[in-house]
N, C-alpha and C. Protein backbone atom coordinates (compact mmCIF):
# COMPACT_ATOMS: atom_id res chain seq x y z
N MET A 1 -25.51 -128.53 73.12
CA MET A 1 -25.68 -127.47 72.22
C MET A 1 -26.99 -127.76 71.48
N ASP A 2 -27.67 -127.18 71.20
CA ASP A 2 -29.01 -126.70 70.36
C ASP A 2 -28.38 -126.71 69.12
N ILE A 3 -29.22 -126.88 68.01
CA ILE A 3 -29.19 -126.56 66.50
C ILE A 3 -30.45 -126.42 66.26
N TYR A 4 -30.28 -125.33 65.45
CA TYR A 4 -30.99 -124.86 64.33
C TYR A 4 -30.87 -124.99 63.07
N PRO A 5 -31.31 -126.08 62.29
CA PRO A 5 -30.85 -126.56 60.42
C PRO A 5 -31.30 -124.84 59.66
N GLN A 6 -33.30 -124.64 60.69
CA GLN A 6 -33.19 -123.51 59.43
C GLN A 6 -33.24 -122.27 60.13
N ASP A 7 -32.01 -122.08 61.28
CA ASP A 7 -32.12 -120.90 60.77
C ASP A 7 -30.29 -120.48 61.71
N GLY A 8 -29.69 -122.13 60.96
CA GLY A 8 -27.95 -122.22 60.38
C GLY A 8 -27.29 -121.62 61.75
N ARG A 9 -27.93 -121.85 62.83
CA ARG A 9 -27.25 -122.07 64.23
C ARG A 9 -27.30 -122.32 65.18
N ILE A 10 -25.85 -122.68 66.09
CA ILE A 10 -25.87 -123.69 67.23
C ILE A 10 -25.55 -122.99 68.33
N ASN A 11 -26.34 -123.39 69.45
CA ASN A 11 -26.46 -123.12 70.36
C ASN A 11 -24.99 -123.51 71.26
N ILE A 12 -24.29 -122.82 72.59
CA ILE A 12 -23.44 -123.36 73.45
C ILE A 12 -23.94 -123.27 74.15
N HIS A 13 -24.92 -124.46 75.37
CA HIS A 13 -24.46 -124.19 76.69
C HIS A 13 -23.53 -123.74 77.33
N PRO A 14 -23.19 -124.19 79.08
CA PRO A 14 -22.25 -123.73 79.30
C PRO A 14 -21.24 -125.28 80.09
N GLY A 15 -19.94 -125.36 79.02
CA GLY A 15 -19.53 -126.41 79.02
C GLY A 15 -19.11 -127.62 77.34
N GLU A 16 -19.74 -126.37 76.88
CA GLU A 16 -19.05 -127.03 75.22
C GLU A 16 -18.68 -125.80 74.73
N TRP A 17 -18.04 -126.55 73.33
CA TRP A 17 -17.34 -125.46 72.68
C TRP A 17 -18.27 -125.72 70.68
N TYR A 18 -17.49 -125.02 70.06
CA TYR A 18 -17.97 -125.68 68.36
C TYR A 18 -16.75 -125.13 67.27
N PHE A 19 -16.44 -125.67 66.82
CA PHE A 19 -15.58 -124.41 65.68
C PHE A 19 -15.71 -125.52 64.76
N GLY A 20 -15.07 -124.85 63.56
CA GLY A 20 -16.14 -125.74 61.92
C GLY A 20 -16.25 -123.96 61.02
N ARG A 21 -17.28 -124.34 60.73
CA ARG A 21 -18.51 -123.72 59.41
C ARG A 21 -19.48 -124.66 58.84
N GLU A 22 -19.87 -124.96 59.52
CA GLU A 22 -20.87 -125.38 59.42
C GLU A 22 -22.41 -124.86 59.47
N TYR A 23 -22.20 -123.55 60.50
CA TYR A 23 -23.59 -123.15 60.92
C TYR A 23 -23.02 -121.74 60.76
N ASN A 24 -24.81 -120.64 60.63
CA ASN A 24 -23.82 -119.58 60.28
C ASN A 24 -23.60 -118.46 61.33
N THR A 25 -24.13 -119.08 62.65
CA THR A 25 -23.81 -118.37 63.59
C THR A 25 -23.85 -119.09 64.60
N ILE A 26 -23.43 -118.47 65.60
CA ILE A 26 -22.75 -119.66 67.54
C ILE A 26 -23.35 -119.10 68.59
N TYR A 27 -24.22 -118.79 69.12
CA TYR A 27 -24.93 -118.51 70.31
C TYR A 27 -24.67 -118.68 71.46
N THR A 28 -24.68 -117.97 72.61
CA THR A 28 -24.77 -118.64 73.78
C THR A 28 -24.81 -117.32 75.06
N VAL A 29 -25.05 -117.60 76.38
CA VAL A 29 -26.17 -116.51 76.88
C VAL A 29 -24.65 -117.24 78.50
N LEU A 30 -23.96 -115.61 78.79
CA LEU A 30 -22.33 -115.54 79.59
C LEU A 30 -23.49 -114.78 81.29
N GLY A 31 -22.77 -115.79 81.86
CA GLY A 31 -23.19 -115.35 83.70
C GLY A 31 -21.35 -114.79 84.35
N SER A 32 -21.50 -114.97 84.72
CA SER A 32 -19.64 -115.45 85.47
C SER A 32 -18.63 -116.47 84.68
N CYS A 33 -19.92 -117.77 83.43
CA CYS A 33 -18.93 -118.55 82.89
C CYS A 33 -18.49 -116.89 81.52
N VAL A 34 -16.98 -117.77 80.55
CA VAL A 34 -16.33 -117.54 80.14
C VAL A 34 -16.93 -117.64 78.49
N ALA A 35 -16.99 -117.08 77.76
CA ALA A 35 -16.29 -117.47 76.49
C ALA A 35 -15.66 -116.21 75.84
N LEU A 36 -14.84 -117.63 75.04
CA LEU A 36 -13.35 -117.34 73.90
C LEU A 36 -14.09 -117.73 72.32
N THR A 37 -14.16 -116.73 71.72
CA THR A 37 -14.46 -116.91 70.21
C THR A 37 -12.91 -116.56 69.60
N ALA A 38 -12.96 -117.10 68.65
CA ALA A 38 -12.55 -117.11 67.13
C ALA A 38 -13.03 -117.45 65.73
N TRP A 39 -12.63 -116.26 64.86
CA TRP A 39 -13.07 -116.36 63.41
C TRP A 39 -11.55 -115.73 62.91
N HIS A 40 -11.32 -116.86 61.35
CA HIS A 40 -10.42 -116.39 60.52
C HIS A 40 -11.27 -115.91 59.70
N PRO A 41 -10.79 -114.87 59.10
CA PRO A 41 -11.15 -113.76 58.24
C PRO A 41 -11.53 -114.62 56.59
N LYS A 42 -10.25 -114.85 56.04
CA LYS A 42 -10.51 -116.25 54.77
C LYS A 42 -10.49 -116.90 54.13
N LEU A 43 -10.74 -117.79 55.97
CA LEU A 43 -10.92 -118.96 55.33
C LEU A 43 -12.65 -119.20 56.33
N LYS A 44 -13.53 -118.21 56.64
CA LYS A 44 -14.69 -118.07 57.08
C LYS A 44 -15.28 -118.96 57.68
N LEU A 45 -14.59 -118.88 58.74
CA LEU A 45 -14.85 -120.35 60.20
C LEU A 45 -14.25 -119.39 60.94
N GLY A 46 -14.55 -120.55 61.84
CA GLY A 46 -14.32 -119.98 63.51
C GLY A 46 -15.08 -120.51 64.53
N GLY A 47 -14.92 -120.42 65.75
CA GLY A 47 -16.00 -121.22 67.20
C GLY A 47 -15.85 -120.20 67.66
N MET A 48 -16.71 -121.02 69.22
CA MET A 48 -16.17 -120.44 70.67
C MET A 48 -16.73 -121.61 71.98
N CYS A 49 -15.67 -121.28 72.28
CA CYS A 49 -16.07 -121.65 73.94
C CYS A 49 -16.61 -121.21 74.54
N HIS A 50 -17.40 -122.07 75.63
CA HIS A 50 -18.27 -121.35 77.25
C HIS A 50 -18.03 -121.70 78.17
N TYR A 51 -16.67 -121.61 79.05
CA TYR A 51 -16.62 -122.84 79.89
C TYR A 51 -16.49 -122.03 81.59
N LEU A 52 -16.76 -123.04 82.12
CA LEU A 52 -17.13 -122.13 83.78
C LEU A 52 -16.37 -122.52 85.39
N LEU A 53 -15.87 -123.07 84.57
CA LEU A 53 -14.50 -122.51 86.20
C LEU A 53 -13.00 -122.62 85.33
N PRO A 54 -12.11 -121.98 85.55
CA PRO A 54 -10.85 -121.99 85.74
C PRO A 54 -10.61 -122.92 84.76
N LYS A 55 -9.89 -123.64 86.60
CA LYS A 55 -9.41 -125.63 86.02
C LYS A 55 -10.52 -126.19 87.20
N VAL A 56 -9.82 -127.34 86.98
CA VAL A 56 -10.70 -128.21 88.03
C VAL A 56 -9.77 -128.69 88.91
N LEU A 57 -10.48 -128.78 89.87
CA LEU A 57 -10.26 -128.67 91.72
C LEU A 57 -9.47 -130.10 91.17
N LYS A 58 -8.58 -130.37 92.85
CA LYS A 58 -7.69 -131.02 92.72
C LYS A 58 -7.54 -131.25 94.10
N ASN A 59 -9.11 -132.01 94.90
CA ASN A 59 -8.17 -132.36 96.51
C ASN A 59 -9.18 -133.69 96.73
N LYS A 60 -9.14 -134.49 97.91
CA LYS A 60 -9.55 -134.95 97.06
C LYS A 60 -10.64 -135.28 98.12
N HIS A 61 -11.74 -133.72 98.25
CA HIS A 61 -12.87 -134.00 98.33
C HIS A 61 -13.86 -134.00 96.47
N THR A 62 -13.08 -133.42 95.80
CA THR A 62 -13.45 -133.76 94.75
C THR A 62 -14.41 -134.21 94.19
N ASN A 63 -15.99 -134.31 94.36
CA ASN A 63 -15.88 -135.22 93.34
C ASN A 63 -16.44 -135.67 91.63
N ASP A 64 -15.31 -135.58 90.53
CA ASP A 64 -15.81 -134.53 89.11
C ASP A 64 -15.56 -136.65 88.31
N PRO A 65 -16.79 -137.56 88.34
CA PRO A 65 -15.63 -139.03 87.46
C PRO A 65 -14.31 -137.85 85.89
N LEU A 66 -14.75 -136.70 85.58
CA LEU A 66 -15.26 -136.69 83.85
C LEU A 66 -13.83 -136.29 84.62
N GLY A 67 -12.66 -134.98 85.75
CA GLY A 67 -11.93 -134.25 85.63
C GLY A 67 -11.62 -133.67 84.40
N ALA A 68 -10.63 -133.31 84.05
CA ALA A 68 -9.58 -131.83 83.68
C ALA A 68 -10.55 -132.37 81.92
N ASP A 69 -10.53 -133.48 82.05
CA ASP A 69 -11.12 -133.81 80.53
C ASP A 69 -12.64 -134.19 80.42
N ALA A 70 -13.09 -133.02 80.66
CA ALA A 70 -14.22 -132.54 81.10
C ALA A 70 -15.08 -131.18 79.83
N GLY A 71 -14.74 -131.44 78.77
CA GLY A 71 -14.73 -131.86 77.47
C GLY A 71 -14.54 -129.96 78.09
N GLY A 72 -15.38 -129.05 77.71
CA GLY A 72 -15.33 -127.80 77.56
C GLY A 72 -15.60 -126.78 79.56
N ARG A 73 -15.78 -127.75 79.86
CA ARG A 73 -16.50 -127.30 81.42
C ARG A 73 -15.71 -126.01 82.02
N TYR A 74 -13.90 -126.63 81.50
CA TYR A 74 -13.38 -125.77 82.79
C TYR A 74 -12.28 -125.06 81.41
N ALA A 75 -11.28 -123.82 81.92
CA ALA A 75 -10.52 -123.30 80.90
C ALA A 75 -9.79 -124.25 80.21
N GLU A 76 -9.18 -124.35 81.86
CA GLU A 76 -8.06 -125.69 80.86
C GLU A 76 -7.83 -126.41 80.26
N THR A 77 -9.21 -127.07 80.25
CA THR A 77 -9.60 -127.78 79.03
C THR A 77 -9.96 -127.39 77.48
N ALA A 78 -11.00 -126.53 78.04
CA ALA A 78 -11.56 -125.38 76.71
C ALA A 78 -10.57 -124.75 76.44
N LEU A 79 -9.84 -124.71 76.27
CA LEU A 79 -9.18 -123.65 75.37
C LEU A 79 -7.83 -123.92 75.04
N ARG A 80 -7.55 -125.92 75.52
CA ARG A 80 -6.23 -126.27 74.24
C ARG A 80 -7.41 -126.70 73.33
N LEU A 81 -8.64 -127.94 73.76
CA LEU A 81 -9.63 -127.79 72.09
C LEU A 81 -9.64 -127.37 71.15
N MET A 82 -9.97 -125.71 71.92
CA MET A 82 -10.38 -124.47 70.55
C MET A 82 -8.63 -124.33 69.82
N LYS A 83 -7.59 -124.21 70.43
CA LYS A 83 -6.41 -124.15 70.41
C LYS A 83 -6.15 -125.51 69.29
N GLN A 84 -6.60 -126.92 69.68
CA GLN A 84 -6.10 -127.35 68.71
C GLN A 84 -7.17 -127.41 67.85
N ALA A 85 -8.37 -127.78 67.41
CA ALA A 85 -9.47 -127.29 66.00
C ALA A 85 -8.81 -125.37 65.24
N MET A 86 -8.52 -124.61 66.02
CA MET A 86 -7.82 -124.03 64.77
C MET A 86 -6.29 -124.15 64.46
N LEU A 87 -5.72 -124.91 65.22
CA LEU A 87 -4.12 -125.12 64.28
C LEU A 87 -4.74 -125.83 63.11
N ARG A 88 -5.87 -126.73 63.09
CA ARG A 88 -6.12 -127.75 61.94
C ARG A 88 -5.79 -126.53 60.49
N TYR A 89 -6.66 -125.76 60.75
CA TYR A 89 -6.46 -124.88 59.70
C TYR A 89 -5.37 -123.76 60.00
N ALA A 90 -5.12 -123.17 60.72
CA ALA A 90 -4.19 -122.09 60.09
C ALA A 90 -3.25 -121.81 61.56
N LYS A 91 -2.00 -120.65 61.56
CA LYS A 91 -1.99 -120.02 63.26
C LYS A 91 -2.62 -119.61 64.24
N LEU A 92 -2.20 -119.89 64.64
CA LEU A 92 -2.85 -118.95 65.91
C LEU A 92 -3.48 -117.66 66.29
N SER A 93 -2.75 -116.84 65.17
CA SER A 93 -2.43 -115.47 65.17
C SER A 93 -3.18 -114.92 63.71
N ASP A 94 -3.56 -116.29 63.14
CA ASP A 94 -4.03 -115.41 61.82
C ASP A 94 -6.06 -115.25 62.67
N TYR A 95 -6.63 -115.61 63.45
CA TYR A 95 -7.31 -115.28 64.90
C TYR A 95 -7.79 -114.43 65.50
N GLN A 96 -9.06 -113.90 64.25
CA GLN A 96 -10.07 -112.33 65.20
C GLN A 96 -10.61 -113.40 66.47
N LEU A 97 -10.04 -112.64 67.61
CA LEU A 97 -10.03 -113.58 68.64
C LEU A 97 -11.00 -112.46 70.00
N GLY A 98 -11.88 -112.63 70.13
CA GLY A 98 -12.31 -112.11 71.20
C GLY A 98 -12.57 -112.55 72.85
N LEU A 99 -13.25 -111.52 73.40
CA LEU A 99 -13.33 -112.60 74.57
C LEU A 99 -14.61 -111.80 76.34
N PHE A 100 -15.05 -113.11 76.54
CA PHE A 100 -16.88 -112.31 76.61
C PHE A 100 -17.25 -112.71 78.10
N GLY A 101 -18.19 -112.37 78.52
CA GLY A 101 -18.37 -113.05 79.79
C GLY A 101 -17.40 -112.12 81.03
N GLY A 102 -17.40 -113.63 82.28
CA GLY A 102 -16.54 -113.73 83.93
C GLY A 102 -17.34 -112.34 84.59
N GLY A 103 -18.76 -111.62 84.61
CA GLY A 103 -19.88 -111.34 85.36
C GLY A 103 -19.43 -111.90 86.62
N GLY A 104 -19.52 -110.86 88.34
CA GLY A 104 -19.91 -111.38 89.03
C GLY A 104 -20.64 -110.21 90.09
N ALA A 105 -20.54 -111.48 91.53
CA ALA A 105 -20.49 -109.77 92.45
C ALA A 105 -19.60 -109.58 93.24
N ALA A 106 -19.52 -109.14 93.96
CA ALA A 106 -18.13 -108.46 94.73
C ALA A 106 -18.68 -109.28 96.09
N ASN A 107 -18.32 -110.29 96.19
CA ASN A 107 -18.35 -111.26 97.20
C ASN A 107 -17.25 -112.20 96.87
N TYR A 108 -17.41 -112.06 95.84
CA TYR A 108 -16.35 -113.87 95.14
C TYR A 108 -16.78 -113.71 93.59
N ASN A 109 -16.06 -113.91 93.51
CA ASN A 109 -16.31 -113.75 91.60
C ASN A 109 -15.50 -114.18 90.93
N VAL A 110 -16.08 -116.13 91.12
CA VAL A 110 -15.48 -116.53 90.30
C VAL A 110 -15.35 -116.08 88.67
N GLY A 111 -16.02 -115.24 87.93
CA GLY A 111 -16.07 -114.87 86.57
C GLY A 111 -14.53 -113.41 86.56
N ALA A 112 -13.85 -113.25 87.91
CA ALA A 112 -12.80 -113.03 87.95
C ALA A 112 -11.44 -113.26 87.99
N GLU A 113 -11.46 -114.56 88.16
CA GLU A 113 -11.01 -116.05 87.87
C GLU A 113 -11.28 -116.41 86.10
N ASN A 114 -12.18 -116.78 86.17
CA ASN A 114 -12.47 -117.11 84.41
C ASN A 114 -11.35 -116.32 83.45
N ILE A 115 -11.75 -115.15 84.06
CA ILE A 115 -10.91 -114.10 82.85
C ILE A 115 -10.21 -113.47 83.12
N ASP A 116 -9.14 -113.96 84.49
CA ASP A 116 -7.87 -113.94 84.88
C ASP A 116 -7.24 -115.04 83.59
N TYR A 117 -7.93 -116.54 83.76
CA TYR A 117 -6.94 -117.74 83.62
C TYR A 117 -7.25 -117.30 81.69
N ALA A 118 -8.36 -116.39 80.92
CA ALA A 118 -7.58 -116.39 79.90
C ALA A 118 -7.22 -115.54 79.42
N GLN A 119 -7.11 -114.30 80.16
CA GLN A 119 -6.07 -113.72 79.57
C GLN A 119 -4.56 -114.09 79.59
N GLN A 120 -4.40 -115.15 80.67
CA GLN A 120 -2.90 -115.33 81.21
C GLN A 120 -2.45 -116.44 79.72
N TRP A 121 -3.55 -117.30 80.12
CA TRP A 121 -3.64 -118.19 78.38
C TRP A 121 -3.59 -117.43 76.67
N LEU A 122 -3.96 -116.06 76.58
CA LEU A 122 -3.93 -115.26 75.11
C LEU A 122 -2.25 -114.61 75.98
N GLN A 123 -1.81 -114.20 76.83
CA GLN A 123 -0.48 -113.68 77.00
C GLN A 123 0.94 -114.55 77.09
N ALA A 124 0.76 -115.96 77.74
CA ALA A 124 1.71 -117.38 77.35
C ALA A 124 1.42 -117.51 75.94
N GLU A 125 0.17 -117.64 74.79
CA GLU A 125 0.19 -117.66 73.24
C GLU A 125 0.62 -116.80 72.40
N HIS A 126 0.73 -115.11 73.17
CA HIS A 126 1.50 -114.49 72.83
C HIS A 126 0.10 -114.27 71.64
N LEU A 127 -0.99 -113.47 72.10
CA LEU A 127 -2.10 -113.59 71.69
C LEU A 127 -3.40 -112.33 71.70
N GLU A 128 -3.95 -112.07 70.51
CA GLU A 128 -4.03 -110.59 70.85
C GLU A 128 -5.36 -110.22 70.90
N LEU A 129 -6.87 -110.00 71.61
CA LEU A 129 -7.77 -109.86 70.68
C LEU A 129 -8.80 -108.26 70.86
N ILE A 130 -9.12 -108.67 69.55
CA ILE A 130 -9.49 -107.80 68.88
C ILE A 130 -11.33 -107.07 69.82
N GLN A 131 -11.41 -107.55 70.40
CA GLN A 131 -12.53 -107.54 71.19
C GLN A 131 -12.63 -108.26 72.79
N SER A 132 -13.51 -107.43 73.29
CA SER A 132 -13.13 -107.62 74.88
C SER A 132 -14.66 -107.14 75.41
N ASP A 133 -15.50 -107.77 76.02
CA ASP A 133 -16.86 -107.10 76.89
C ASP A 133 -16.56 -108.38 78.10
N VAL A 134 -16.08 -108.36 79.39
CA VAL A 134 -15.83 -108.96 79.72
C VAL A 134 -16.31 -108.36 82.31
N GLY A 135 -16.12 -109.28 82.64
CA GLY A 135 -16.58 -108.46 84.51
C GLY A 135 -17.47 -107.01 84.35
N GLY A 136 -17.36 -106.70 85.77
CA GLY A 136 -18.96 -105.94 86.14
C GLY A 136 -19.22 -106.75 86.38
N ALA A 137 -21.02 -106.48 86.92
CA ALA A 137 -22.20 -107.02 87.39
C ALA A 137 -22.93 -107.49 86.23
N TYR A 138 -22.85 -107.92 85.51
CA TYR A 138 -23.40 -108.40 84.11
C TYR A 138 -23.56 -109.47 83.22
N SER A 139 -24.89 -110.25 82.79
CA SER A 139 -25.58 -111.30 82.53
C SER A 139 -25.13 -110.63 80.75
N ARG A 140 -24.47 -111.83 79.40
CA ARG A 140 -24.86 -111.74 78.25
C ARG A 140 -25.16 -112.47 77.63
N SER A 141 -25.65 -111.71 76.05
CA SER A 141 -25.65 -112.56 74.87
C SER A 141 -25.08 -112.51 74.00
N LEU A 142 -24.60 -113.56 73.72
CA LEU A 142 -23.29 -112.97 72.81
C LEU A 142 -23.53 -114.29 71.38
N MET A 143 -23.56 -113.20 69.98
CA MET A 143 -23.34 -113.97 68.87
C MET A 143 -22.51 -113.56 67.59
N LEU A 144 -21.81 -115.28 67.41
CA LEU A 144 -21.30 -114.90 66.62
C LEU A 144 -21.65 -115.33 64.90
N ASP A 145 -21.02 -114.45 63.77
CA ASP A 145 -21.42 -114.78 62.51
C ASP A 145 -20.75 -115.40 61.67
N LEU A 146 -20.30 -116.54 61.73
CA LEU A 146 -19.50 -117.14 60.88
C LEU A 146 -18.94 -116.95 59.48
N SER A 147 -20.20 -115.83 59.18
CA SER A 147 -19.85 -115.67 57.76
C SER A 147 -18.76 -114.11 56.93
N LEU A 148 -19.31 -113.70 58.00
CA LEU A 148 -18.47 -112.41 58.28
C LEU A 148 -17.65 -111.65 59.64
N GLY A 149 -17.66 -112.82 60.38
CA GLY A 149 -17.02 -112.25 61.64
C GLY A 149 -17.18 -111.73 62.78
N LEU A 150 -18.68 -111.27 62.36
CA LEU A 150 -19.70 -110.26 63.53
C LEU A 150 -20.11 -110.59 64.89
N ILE A 151 -19.45 -110.31 65.59
CA ILE A 151 -20.09 -110.47 67.09
C ILE A 151 -21.44 -109.13 68.00
N THR A 152 -22.63 -110.59 67.76
CA THR A 152 -23.52 -109.14 68.57
C THR A 152 -23.50 -109.35 69.45
N LEU A 153 -23.14 -108.33 70.23
CA LEU A 153 -23.39 -108.33 71.58
C LEU A 153 -24.10 -108.39 73.18
N LYS A 154 -25.19 -107.63 73.80
CA LYS A 154 -26.28 -107.96 74.39
C LYS A 154 -25.80 -107.76 76.30
N SER A 155 -26.33 -107.24 77.16
CA SER A 155 -25.38 -106.50 78.19
C SER A 155 -26.91 -106.62 79.32
N TYR A 156 -26.88 -107.68 80.09
CA TYR A 156 -28.59 -107.69 81.07
C TYR A 156 -27.76 -107.32 82.67
N PRO A 157 -28.32 -106.92 83.24
CA PRO A 157 -27.79 -106.58 84.68
C PRO A 157 -27.97 -107.75 85.61
N MET A 158 -27.04 -108.24 86.40
CA MET A 158 -27.09 -108.91 87.14
C MET A 158 -27.98 -108.31 88.40
N VAL A 159 -28.99 -109.49 88.68
CA VAL A 159 -29.89 -109.49 89.71
C VAL A 159 -28.21 -110.12 90.91
N THR A 160 -28.48 -109.02 91.98
CA THR A 160 -27.79 -109.40 93.12
C THR A 160 -28.46 -108.92 94.32
N SER A 161 -28.08 -109.45 96.02
CA SER A 161 -28.35 -109.58 97.33
C SER A 161 -28.17 -107.43 97.10
N GLU A 162 -27.28 -106.99 96.00
CA GLU A 162 -26.36 -105.61 96.74
C GLU A 162 -27.47 -104.96 96.06
N ASN A 163 -28.07 -105.61 94.75
CA ASN A 163 -29.66 -104.30 94.25
C ASN A 163 -30.07 -104.87 93.89
N LEU A 164 -30.93 -105.57 94.78
CA LEU A 164 -32.22 -105.77 94.93
C LEU A 164 -32.95 -104.76 96.31
N LEU A 165 -31.62 -104.61 97.21
CA LEU A 165 -32.20 -103.63 98.29
C LEU A 165 -32.56 -102.35 98.21
């Protein structure tokens, strides 16, 4: 995480997450990764997780010393951590949620798998999104203003082998 106290901003990198009210804004950049945002309008607090893969690979050839406890690298862990943080303050249904990212190329799209995992999680938790911008061949920059709950989103075409020709 990069913290910019003069701006009141925290930058969330892949595999990281933040929840609280110590900063004015939370910022990240997404490609195939997915970010879930949560904001509580009355309490003026919220957070964001930025995960890389849906779940930890469980096979004998995987050499991941952190495994499923790798903080926010995997959706199964990141979403659980966000849920725990949110429940410390209010019911999950009190939050305004957003889902962003999951861009990718046509041949193999881990972004689609990341989106599917989040959508299944949201359905299992009986939660609805108020804002979503997922999929496609786009990378995105995302900023959540914690005082107002506003999302600032910019999309950029991904450079792929298909659009280079």
